[in-house]
Protein backbone atom coordinates (compact mmCIF):
# COMPACT_ATOMS: atom_id res chain seq x y z
CA UNK A 1 -30.85 196.11 -126.31
CA UNK A 2 -29.84 192.46 -126.12
CA UNK A 3 -26.40 191.22 -125.23
CA UNK A 4 -23.86 190.47 -127.92
CA UNK A 5 -22.26 187.09 -127.20
CA UNK A 6 -18.87 186.00 -128.46
CA UNK A 7 -17.52 182.48 -128.06
CA UNK A 8 -13.74 182.63 -127.85
CA UNK A 9 -11.69 179.56 -128.74
CA UNK A 10 -8.05 178.74 -128.14
CA UNK A 11 -7.50 175.85 -130.60
CA UNK A 12 -5.75 172.69 -129.54
CA UNK A 13 -5.99 168.92 -129.81
CA UNK A 14 -5.10 167.86 -126.25
CA UNK A 15 -6.73 170.96 -124.70
CA UNK A 16 -9.07 173.34 -126.45
CA UNK A 17 -10.04 176.37 -124.39
CA UNK A 18 -13.44 177.98 -124.79
CA UNK A 19 -15.06 180.99 -123.20
CA UNK A 20 -18.36 182.74 -123.85
CA UNK A 21 -18.47 186.45 -123.04
CA UNK A 22 -21.55 188.67 -123.20
CA UNK A 23 -21.36 192.39 -123.83
CA UNK A 24 -24.12 194.76 -122.75
CA UNK A 25 -23.11 198.34 -123.50
CA UNK A 26 -19.63 198.66 -121.99
CA UNK A 27 -20.16 195.82 -119.51
CA UNK A 28 -18.56 192.41 -120.14
CA UNK A 29 -19.40 189.23 -118.28
CA UNK A 30 -18.26 185.64 -118.62
CA UNK A 31 -21.15 183.29 -119.32
CA UNK A 32 -19.28 180.01 -119.38
CA UNK A 33 -15.72 178.85 -119.86
CA UNK A 34 -13.60 175.77 -119.64
CA UNK A 35 -11.47 173.34 -121.52
CA UNK A 36 -12.24 170.40 -123.79
CA UNK A 37 -9.59 167.76 -123.16
CA UNK A 38 -8.68 164.72 -125.20
CA UNK A 39 -6.11 162.09 -124.30
CA UNK A 40 -3.40 160.37 -126.34
CA UNK A 41 -5.00 156.96 -125.68
CA UNK A 42 -7.94 158.05 -127.90
CA UNK A 43 -7.58 157.62 -131.65
CA UNK A 44 -7.00 160.83 -133.58
CA UNK A 45 -10.47 160.65 -135.11
CA UNK A 46 -12.05 160.07 -131.67
CA UNK A 47 -10.27 163.16 -130.40
CA UNK A 48 -11.63 165.26 -133.27
CA UNK A 49 -15.12 163.86 -132.73
CA UNK A 50 -14.98 164.74 -129.02
CA UNK A 51 -13.93 168.30 -129.87
CA UNK A 52 -16.76 168.51 -132.40
CA UNK A 53 -19.46 167.19 -130.03
CA UNK A 54 -18.34 169.12 -126.94
CA UNK A 55 -17.90 172.39 -128.84
CA UNK A 56 -21.35 171.98 -130.42
CA UNK A 57 -22.73 171.66 -126.88
CA UNK A 58 -21.10 174.97 -125.97
CA UNK A 59 -22.53 176.65 -129.07
CA UNK A 60 -25.99 175.33 -128.17
CA UNK A 61 -25.62 176.52 -124.58
CA UNK A 62 -24.35 180.07 -125.14
CA UNK A 63 -25.88 180.80 -128.56
CA UNK A 64 -23.06 183.10 -129.70
CA UNK A 65 -23.50 185.90 -132.21
CA UNK A 66 -19.86 185.63 -133.26
CA UNK A 67 -16.94 183.27 -132.71
CA UNK A 68 -13.39 184.45 -132.15
CA UNK A 69 -10.74 181.82 -132.93
CA UNK A 70 -7.16 182.69 -132.06
CA UNK A 71 -4.98 182.57 -135.17
CA UNK A 72 -2.27 179.97 -134.84
CA UNK A 73 1.44 180.60 -134.88
CA UNK A 74 3.96 177.78 -134.77
CA UNK A 75 7.71 178.04 -134.90
CA UNK A 76 9.37 174.71 -135.53
CA UNK A 77 7.09 171.94 -134.26
CA UNK A 78 5.29 171.07 -137.49
CA UNK A 79 3.91 167.78 -136.12
CA UNK A 80 2.04 169.56 -133.33
CA UNK A 81 0.95 172.23 -135.79
CA UNK A 82 -0.55 169.63 -138.13
CA UNK A 83 -2.76 168.17 -135.39
CA UNK A 84 -3.85 171.57 -134.13
CA UNK A 85 -4.67 172.72 -137.67
CA UNK A 86 -6.92 169.69 -138.05
CA UNK A 87 -8.67 170.50 -134.75
CA UNK A 88 -9.03 174.05 -136.05
CA UNK A 89 -10.72 172.65 -139.16
CA UNK A 90 -13.34 171.04 -136.89
CA UNK A 91 -13.90 174.44 -135.26
CA UNK A 92 -14.36 176.12 -138.64
CA UNK A 93 -16.74 173.38 -139.77
CA UNK A 94 -18.88 173.96 -136.67
CA UNK A 95 -19.00 177.71 -137.24
CA UNK A 96 -20.08 177.15 -140.85
CA UNK A 97 -22.72 174.59 -139.87
CA UNK A 98 -24.09 177.00 -137.25
CA UNK A 99 -23.91 179.97 -139.62
CA UNK A 100 -21.69 181.95 -137.25
CA UNK A 101 -19.36 184.74 -138.35
CA UNK A 102 -15.74 184.14 -137.37
CA UNK A 103 -13.11 186.61 -136.26
CA UNK A 104 -9.51 185.37 -136.25
CA UNK A 105 -7.34 187.66 -134.12
CA UNK A 106 -3.60 187.09 -134.06
CA UNK A 107 -1.94 186.64 -130.65
CA UNK A 108 -0.47 190.16 -130.75
CA UNK A 109 -3.94 191.62 -131.53
CA UNK A 110 -5.32 189.89 -128.45
CA UNK A 111 -2.47 191.25 -126.33
CA UNK A 112 -3.05 194.72 -127.76
CA UNK A 113 -6.81 194.59 -127.13
CA UNK A 114 -6.45 193.51 -123.52
CA UNK A 115 -3.19 195.09 -122.40
CA UNK A 116 -2.58 197.95 -124.81
CA UNK A 117 0.63 196.42 -126.13
CA UNK A 118 1.31 193.54 -128.50
CA UNK A 119 4.31 192.56 -126.37
CA UNK A 120 2.35 191.72 -123.19
CA UNK A 121 3.30 188.48 -121.49
CA UNK A 122 0.92 185.63 -120.73
CA UNK A 123 0.39 186.62 -117.08
CA UNK A 124 -0.49 190.21 -118.05
CA UNK A 125 -3.14 188.93 -120.45
CA UNK A 126 -4.52 186.54 -117.85
CA UNK A 127 -4.74 189.30 -115.23
CA UNK A 128 -6.54 191.58 -117.67
CA UNK A 129 -9.03 188.80 -118.49
CA UNK A 130 -9.66 188.48 -114.76
CA UNK A 131 -10.10 192.24 -114.39
CA UNK A 132 -12.27 192.82 -117.50
CA UNK A 133 -14.61 189.99 -116.52
CA UNK A 134 -14.53 190.67 -112.74
CA UNK A 135 -13.50 187.08 -111.98
CA UNK A 136 -12.32 186.07 -108.52
CA UNK A 137 -9.37 184.15 -109.96
CA UNK A 138 -7.42 183.84 -113.18
CA UNK A 139 -9.18 181.10 -115.19
CA UNK A 140 -7.26 177.83 -115.38
CA UNK A 141 -5.81 176.18 -117.35
CA UNK A 142 -4.10 178.77 -119.55
CA UNK A 143 -6.11 177.63 -122.56
CA UNK A 144 -9.30 178.80 -120.84
CA UNK A 145 -7.90 182.25 -120.07
CA UNK A 146 -6.65 182.48 -123.67
CA UNK A 147 -10.12 181.62 -124.98
CA UNK A 148 -11.75 184.31 -122.82
CA UNK A 149 -9.12 186.78 -124.07
CA UNK A 150 -10.02 185.82 -127.65
CA UNK A 151 -13.71 186.41 -126.86
CA UNK A 152 -13.06 189.85 -125.35
CA UNK A 153 -10.97 190.71 -128.42
CA UNK A 154 -13.69 189.40 -130.73
CA UNK A 155 -16.18 191.74 -129.07
CA UNK A 156 -13.74 194.65 -129.35
CA UNK A 157 -13.19 193.96 -133.07
CA UNK A 158 -16.88 193.26 -133.69
CA UNK A 159 -18.04 192.42 -137.17
CA UNK A 160 -15.36 194.59 -138.79
CA UNK A 161 -12.74 191.83 -138.87
């Protein structure tokens, strides 16, 4: 039986977290994780292109079976939301080009999958990521831990979502 690999993504323009998690039976292990960072001194289109190219590299490296992209929720900051939605469009384009099924868990679904409650705080989720994946430390920055949490949730939800 081969591993099932899920690439989790925490969308963002300045920082996009990614984390590949493999599942073999009930065992989970982190394959690779990190953060794609863009800077305000880059043009908006250069930032999107960097996200596109760097995320394609991750897809090539981990060869995921599924991609889990955290569903976005924004309160009042519509300007930030607009930029993140456009970065999310790049993510969705890449999944389509690579013929990858996408799962889109909401933040409370991720909290529920990892902590057993949709009201878990950020530190609880990060600690559970560390525990589930037997990592020495909580992955940093937060975007990376969030992406690994999305990947674990994607594996828990499977192809049913």
